[in-house]
Amino acid sequence: MSQPEIPSKTPAVLELEPGTYWWCACGRSKTQPWCDGSHAGTTFEPMEYTVSEKKRVALCNCKHTGTAPLCDGNHRNLP
């Protein structure tokens, strides 16, 4: 499996409204942290993320989290 691109080593802290979102897993999207279809032709697929009530979240932007799509702090271990 190929490695995702790292668009940022800081999480995207957002206040999300209830709904379904598509988190970019490849790191290529121009609309981080959301998918814009840039994964086409790669082994990556976006991850569906559903929010049932309004809440503040920290979404991974380094694409190396173990708790996708949420940030687990793993960006601190990247070179």
C-alpha atoms as a PDB file:
ATOM      1  CA  MET A   1       0.000   0.000   0.000  1.00  0.00           C
ATOM      2  CA  SER A   2       1.285   3.456  -0.837  1.00  0.00           C
ATOM      3  CA  GLN A   3       1.665   6.204   1.724  1.00  0.00           C
ATOM      4  CA  PRO A   4      -0.739   9.162   1.845  1.00  0.00           C
ATOM      5  CA  GLU A   5       0.488  12.691   1.251  1.00  0.00           C
ATOM      6  CA  ILE A   6       0.793  14.883   4.371  1.00  0.00           C
ATOM      7  CA  PRO A   7      -1.036  18.158   3.705  1.00  0.00           C
ATOM      8  CA  SER A   8      -0.507  19.402   7.283  1.00  0.00           C
ATOM      9  CA  LYS A   9       0.996  18.233  10.572  1.00  0.00           C
ATOM     10  CA  THR A  10      -1.740  19.918  12.583  1.00  0.00           C
ATOM     11  CA  PRO A  11      -5.342  18.718  12.943  1.00  0.00           C
ATOM     12  CA  ALA A  12      -8.322  20.524  11.461  1.00  0.00           C
ATOM     13  CA  VAL A  13     -10.336  21.641  14.481  1.00  0.00           C
ATOM     14  CA  LEU A  14     -13.894  22.208  13.284  1.00  0.00           C
ATOM     15  CA  GLU A  15     -17.395  22.717  14.661  1.00  0.00           C
ATOM     16  CA  LEU A  16     -19.522  20.290  12.643  1.00  0.00           C
ATOM     17  CA  GLU A  17     -23.261  20.314  12.171  1.00  0.00           C
ATOM     18  CA  PRO A  18     -25.150  16.999  12.091  1.00  0.00           C
ATOM     19  CA  GLY A  19     -24.693  15.258   8.761  1.00  0.00           C
ATOM     20  CA  THR A  20     -22.486  12.974   6.724  1.00  0.00           C
ATOM     21  CA  TYR A  21     -19.013  14.050   5.670  1.00  0.00           C
ATOM     22  CA  TRP A  22     -16.300  12.405   3.535  1.00  0.00           C
ATOM     23  CA  TRP A  23     -12.820  12.642   5.070  1.00  0.00           C
ATOM     24  CA  CYS A  24      -9.865  12.624   2.664  1.00  0.00           C
ATOM     25  CA  ALA A  25      -7.546   9.669   3.358  1.00  0.00           C
ATOM     26  CA  CYS A  26      -5.068  10.217   0.506  1.00  0.00           C
ATOM     27  CA  GLY A  27      -3.909  13.722   1.442  1.00  0.00           C
ATOM     28  CA  ARG A  28      -4.308  15.017  -2.140  1.00  0.00           C
ATOM     29  CA  SER A  29      -7.594  16.909  -1.738  1.00  0.00           C
ATOM     30  CA  LYS A  30      -7.540  20.682  -2.194  1.00  0.00           C
ATOM     31  CA  THR A  31     -10.457  20.927   0.270  1.00  0.00           C
ATOM     32  CA  GLN A  32      -8.775  19.339   3.329  1.00  0.00           C
ATOM     33  CA  PRO A  33      -9.875  17.601   5.434  1.00  0.00           C
ATOM     34  CA  TRP A  34     -12.697  16.739   3.017  1.00  0.00           C
ATOM     35  CA  CYS A  35     -12.480  14.602  -0.114  1.00  0.00           C
ATOM     36  CA  ASP A  36     -12.642  16.309  -3.508  1.00  0.00           C
ATOM     37  CA  GLY A  37     -12.102  13.159  -5.588  1.00  0.00           C
ATOM     38  CA  SER A  38      -8.326  13.600  -5.938  1.00  0.00           C
ATOM     39  CA  HIS A  39      -7.819   9.987  -4.815  1.00  0.00           C
ATOM     40  CA  ALA A  40      -8.901   8.747  -8.255  1.00  0.00           C
ATOM     41  CA  GLY A  41      -6.291   6.342  -9.588  1.00  0.00           C
ATOM     42  CA  THR A  42      -4.825   5.622  -6.137  1.00  0.00           C
ATOM     43  CA  THR A  43      -5.415   2.834  -3.629  1.00  0.00           C
ATOM     44  CA  PHE A  44      -7.089   5.287  -1.241  1.00  0.00           C
ATOM     45  CA  GLU A  45     -10.796   5.815  -0.614  1.00  0.00           C
ATOM     46  CA  PRO A  46     -12.427   8.596   1.412  1.00  0.00           C
ATOM     47  CA  MET A  47     -13.893   7.697   4.799  1.00  0.00           C
ATOM     48  CA  GLU A  48     -17.523   8.387   5.612  1.00  0.00           C
ATOM     49  CA  TYR A  49     -17.904  10.297   8.892  1.00  0.00           C
ATOM     50  CA  THR A  50     -21.362  10.863  10.365  1.00  0.00           C
ATOM     51  CA  VAL A  51     -22.113  13.431  13.066  1.00  0.00           C
ATOM     52  CA  SER A  52     -25.409  12.996  14.934  1.00  0.00           C
ATOM     53  CA  GLU A  53     -25.285  16.247  16.895  1.00  0.00           C
ATOM     54  CA  LYS A  54     -23.344  19.483  16.586  1.00  0.00           C
ATOM     55  CA  LYS A  55     -19.852  19.033  18.017  1.00  0.00           C
ATOM     56  CA  ARG A  56     -16.267  20.235  17.883  1.00  0.00           C
ATOM     57  CA  VAL A  57     -13.790  17.706  16.465  1.00  0.00           C
ATOM     58  CA  ALA A  58     -10.092  17.523  15.615  1.00  0.00           C
ATOM     59  CA  LEU A  59      -9.785  15.780  12.257  1.00  0.00           C
ATOM     60  CA  CYS A  60      -6.473  14.296  11.150  1.00  0.00           C
ATOM     61  CA  ASN A  61      -4.645  16.240   8.452  1.00  0.00           C
ATOM     62  CA  CYS A  62      -1.419  14.195   8.460  1.00  0.00           C
ATOM     63  CA  LYS A  63      -3.333  11.070   7.315  1.00  0.00           C
ATOM     64  CA  HIS A  64      -1.328   8.816   9.665  1.00  0.00           C
ATOM     65  CA  THR A  65      -3.793   8.598  12.577  1.00  0.00           C
ATOM     66  CA  GLY A  66      -4.786   5.272  14.074  1.00  0.00           C
ATOM     67  CA  THR A  67      -8.248   6.631  14.880  1.00  0.00           C
ATOM     68  CA  ALA A  68      -9.335   7.937  11.468  1.00  0.00           C
ATOM     69  CA  PRO A  69     -10.758  10.393  10.801  1.00  0.00           C
ATOM     70  CA  LEU A  70      -9.989  11.825  14.236  1.00  0.00           C
ATOM     71  CA  CYS A  71      -6.533  13.058  15.187  1.00  0.00           C
ATOM     72  CA  ASP A  72      -4.629  10.847  17.644  1.00  0.00           C
ATOM     73  CA  GLY A  73      -1.528  13.049  17.875  1.00  0.00           C
ATOM     74  CA  ASN A  74       0.542  10.804  15.608  1.00  0.00           C
ATOM     75  CA  HIS A  75       1.593  13.870  13.569  1.00  0.00           C
ATOM     76  CA  ARG A  76       4.118  14.570  16.338  1.00  0.00           C
ATOM     77  CA  ASN A  77       5.965  11.349  15.393  1.00  0.00           C
ATOM     78  CA  LEU A  78       6.350  12.190  11.700  1.00  0.00           C
ATOM     79  CA  PRO A  79       9.630  13.500  10.272  1.00  0.00           C
END
